[in-house]
N, C-alpha and C. Protein backbone atom coordinates (compact mmCIF):
# COMPACT_ATOMS: atom_id res chain seq x y z
N MET A 1 -24.92 -17.12 -10.65
CA MET A 1 -23.75 -16.53 -9.90
C MET A 1 -23.76 -15.06 -9.95
N ALA A 2 -23.27 -14.33 -8.77
CA ALA A 2 -23.61 -13.12 -8.56
C ALA A 2 -22.58 -12.26 -9.32
N ASP A 3 -22.96 -11.00 -9.56
CA ASP A 3 -22.22 -10.04 -10.56
C ASP A 3 -21.17 -9.56 -9.55
N VAL A 4 -20.07 -9.41 -10.12
CA VAL A 4 -18.94 -8.61 -9.42
C VAL A 4 -19.16 -7.27 -9.19
N PRO A 5 -19.06 -6.64 -7.97
CA PRO A 5 -19.21 -5.46 -7.81
C PRO A 5 -18.13 -4.38 -8.48
N ASN A 6 -18.67 -3.23 -8.69
CA ASN A 6 -17.67 -2.35 -9.27
C ASN A 6 -16.79 -1.86 -8.01
N LEU A 7 -15.49 -2.38 -8.35
CA LEU A 7 -14.61 -1.70 -7.20
C LEU A 7 -14.08 -0.43 -7.53
N PRO A 8 -13.79 0.43 -6.66
CA PRO A 8 -13.01 1.65 -6.80
C PRO A 8 -11.50 1.53 -7.38
N ASP A 9 -11.14 2.43 -8.12
CA ASP A 9 -9.99 2.23 -8.76
C ASP A 9 -8.89 2.85 -7.70
N ASN A 10 -7.80 2.14 -7.77
CA ASN A 10 -6.64 2.81 -6.99
C ASN A 10 -6.17 3.91 -7.73
N PRO A 11 -5.37 4.87 -6.83
CA PRO A 11 -4.91 6.27 -7.26
C PRO A 11 -3.79 5.90 -8.39
N GLN A 12 -3.76 7.04 -9.41
CA GLN A 12 -2.73 6.62 -10.32
C GLN A 12 -1.32 7.00 -9.84
N ASP A 13 -0.64 6.08 -9.41
CA ASP A 13 0.41 6.31 -8.64
C ASP A 13 1.63 5.06 -9.14
N ASP A 14 2.91 5.37 -8.92
CA ASP A 14 3.95 4.46 -9.14
C ASP A 14 4.24 4.08 -7.93
N VAL A 15 3.84 2.91 -7.46
CA VAL A 15 4.22 2.44 -6.14
C VAL A 15 5.68 2.14 -5.67
N GLU A 16 6.35 2.23 -6.98
CA GLU A 16 7.90 2.12 -6.57
C GLU A 16 8.58 3.16 -6.20
N THR A 17 7.82 4.33 -6.28
CA THR A 17 8.47 5.52 -5.82
C THR A 17 8.51 5.76 -4.17
N TYR A 18 7.82 4.81 -3.71
CA TYR A 18 7.95 4.85 -2.26
C TYR A 18 9.19 4.17 -1.51
N VAL A 19 9.76 3.18 -2.36
CA VAL A 19 10.94 2.38 -1.94
C VAL A 19 11.94 3.47 -1.64
N GLY A 20 12.62 3.06 -0.50
CA GLY A 20 13.69 4.06 -0.01
C GLY A 20 13.49 5.19 0.86
N LEU A 21 12.22 5.22 1.01
CA LEU A 21 11.75 6.68 1.93
C LEU A 21 11.49 6.14 3.13
N GLY A 22 11.40 7.03 4.18
CA GLY A 22 11.19 6.81 5.64
C GLY A 22 9.83 6.23 5.63
N ARG A 23 9.53 5.28 6.62
CA ARG A 23 8.06 4.89 6.74
C ARG A 23 6.97 6.00 7.19
N GLN A 24 7.27 7.00 7.89
CA GLN A 24 6.36 8.02 7.96
C GLN A 24 6.12 9.04 6.68
N ASP A 25 7.38 9.30 6.50
CA ASP A 25 7.15 10.07 5.07
C ASP A 25 6.37 9.42 4.01
N ALA A 26 6.59 7.93 3.60
CA ALA A 26 5.79 7.28 2.55
C ALA A 26 4.32 7.15 3.07
N GLU A 27 4.01 6.96 4.29
CA GLU A 27 2.71 6.92 4.62
C GLU A 27 2.07 8.27 4.33
N GLU A 28 2.62 9.37 4.66
CA GLU A 28 1.88 10.68 4.50
C GLU A 28 1.92 10.95 2.96
N LEU A 29 2.85 10.66 2.16
CA LEU A 29 2.92 10.71 1.01
C LEU A 29 1.73 10.09 0.16
N ALA A 30 1.70 8.87 0.56
CA ALA A 30 0.56 8.01 0.00
C ALA A 30 -0.83 8.55 0.28
N ARG A 31 -1.07 8.77 1.39
CA ARG A 31 -2.38 9.46 1.77
C ARG A 31 -2.64 10.63 1.00
N ALA A 32 -1.63 11.52 0.82
CA ALA A 32 -1.95 12.71 0.02
C ALA A 32 -2.11 12.50 -1.46
N ARG A 33 -1.69 11.12 -2.08
CA ARG A 33 -1.84 10.97 -3.38
C ARG A 33 -3.09 10.24 -3.49
N GLY A 34 -3.99 9.86 -2.37
CA GLY A 34 -5.23 9.26 -2.47
C GLY A 34 -5.34 7.91 -2.25
N TRP A 35 -4.48 7.19 -1.60
CA TRP A 35 -4.59 5.89 -1.16
C TRP A 35 -5.33 6.00 0.14
N SER A 36 -6.61 5.15 0.34
CA SER A 36 -7.48 5.20 1.44
C SER A 36 -6.93 4.74 2.70
N THR A 37 -6.17 3.79 2.44
CA THR A 37 -5.78 2.75 3.50
C THR A 37 -4.12 2.80 3.33
N VAL A 38 -3.30 2.61 4.20
CA VAL A 38 -1.81 2.55 3.92
C VAL A 38 -1.46 1.69 5.13
N ARG A 39 -0.54 0.78 4.76
CA ARG A 39 -0.46 -0.44 5.74
C ARG A 39 1.04 -0.80 5.68
N SER A 40 1.60 -0.46 6.99
CA SER A 40 2.99 -0.75 7.01
C SER A 40 3.33 -2.14 7.76
N LEU A 41 4.24 -3.03 7.25
CA LEU A 41 4.37 -4.28 7.73
C LEU A 41 5.88 -4.52 7.95
N PRO A 42 6.32 -5.54 8.66
CA PRO A 42 7.78 -5.86 9.00
C PRO A 42 7.92 -6.84 7.94
N PRO A 43 9.14 -7.22 7.50
CA PRO A 43 9.70 -8.13 6.68
C PRO A 43 8.83 -9.49 7.32
N GLY A 44 8.53 -10.38 6.22
CA GLY A 44 7.92 -11.92 6.66
C GLY A 44 6.74 -11.75 7.46
N ALA A 45 6.06 -10.64 7.59
CA ALA A 45 4.74 -10.65 8.33
C ALA A 45 3.63 -11.35 7.51
N ILE A 46 2.98 -11.99 8.49
CA ILE A 46 1.88 -12.93 7.83
C ILE A 46 0.64 -12.05 7.73
N ILE A 47 0.36 -12.05 6.38
CA ILE A 47 -0.94 -11.23 6.15
C ILE A 47 -1.94 -12.20 5.42
N THR A 48 -3.09 -11.56 5.17
CA THR A 48 -4.11 -12.18 4.68
C THR A 48 -3.91 -11.87 3.01
N MET A 49 -4.47 -12.65 2.17
CA MET A 49 -4.24 -12.31 0.74
C MET A 49 -5.47 -11.68 0.00
N GLU A 50 -6.54 -11.18 0.82
CA GLU A 50 -7.40 -10.45 0.11
C GLU A 50 -7.11 -9.25 -0.47
N TYR A 51 -7.65 -8.83 -1.58
CA TYR A 51 -7.37 -7.49 -2.24
C TYR A 51 -8.23 -6.49 -1.73
N VAL A 52 -7.79 -5.32 -1.18
CA VAL A 52 -8.53 -4.14 -0.95
C VAL A 52 -8.12 -2.95 -1.84
N ALA A 53 -9.18 -2.66 -2.68
CA ALA A 53 -8.85 -1.46 -3.45
C ALA A 53 -8.69 -0.20 -2.60
N GLY A 54 -7.77 0.70 -3.11
CA GLY A 54 -7.37 1.70 -2.41
C GLY A 54 -6.43 1.68 -1.27
N ARG A 55 -5.81 0.30 -1.07
CA ARG A 55 -4.94 0.06 0.09
C ARG A 55 -3.52 0.03 -0.59
N LEU A 56 -2.43 0.54 -0.10
CA LEU A 56 -1.05 0.46 -0.23
C LEU A 56 -0.36 -0.19 0.90
N ASN A 57 0.34 -1.26 0.48
CA ASN A 57 1.20 -1.99 1.40
C ASN A 57 2.61 -1.61 1.40
N PHE A 58 3.26 -1.35 2.44
CA PHE A 58 4.67 -1.24 2.63
C PHE A 58 5.45 -2.27 3.63
N GLU A 59 6.34 -2.71 2.96
CA GLU A 59 7.36 -3.82 3.74
C GLU A 59 8.40 -2.89 4.31
N VAL A 60 8.55 -2.57 5.77
CA VAL A 60 9.22 -1.69 6.26
C VAL A 60 10.43 -2.30 7.08
N LYS A 61 11.69 -2.03 7.09
CA LYS A 61 12.78 -2.55 7.75
C LYS A 61 13.70 -1.43 8.10
N ASP A 62 14.07 -1.28 9.40
CA ASP A 62 14.93 -0.32 9.97
C ASP A 62 14.48 1.22 9.61
N ASP A 63 12.66 1.27 9.60
CA ASP A 63 12.16 2.44 9.25
C ASP A 63 12.29 3.11 7.84
N THR A 64 12.60 1.98 7.05
CA THR A 64 12.75 2.67 5.64
C THR A 64 11.93 1.56 4.89
N VAL A 65 10.91 1.95 3.88
CA VAL A 65 10.25 1.24 2.95
C VAL A 65 11.27 0.50 2.07
N HIS A 66 11.07 -0.98 1.97
CA HIS A 66 11.73 -1.66 1.11
C HIS A 66 11.16 -2.38 -0.05
N ARG A 67 9.66 -2.23 0.14
CA ARG A 67 8.98 -2.85 -0.92
C ARG A 67 7.56 -2.23 -0.63
N SER A 68 6.79 -2.06 -2.06
CA SER A 68 5.45 -1.59 -1.66
C SER A 68 4.47 -2.20 -2.91
N TRP A 69 3.27 -2.64 -2.56
CA TRP A 69 2.48 -3.05 -3.49
C TRP A 69 1.00 -2.70 -3.28
N PRO A 70 0.18 -2.58 -4.16
CA PRO A 70 -1.31 -2.09 -3.89
C PRO A 70 -2.12 -3.67 -3.31
N GLY A 71 -3.19 -3.10 -2.78
CA GLY A 71 -4.30 -4.27 -2.47
C GLY A 71 -4.18 -4.56 -1.08
């Protein structure tokens, strides 16, 4: 079996602090806090389940973040 690679850590950040922010403000703040990839998705979007270290996902409705999660 192959060794599991050393994945980079996510930024030390409380992802719940983005809930309620406007999409653009949330994306800019996340990048400033060290997230390498920020992805905004509409509610119910079909996405792959692969985990990507350093990525922050937002569920955005009416240009407001309603949910956020890493990976």
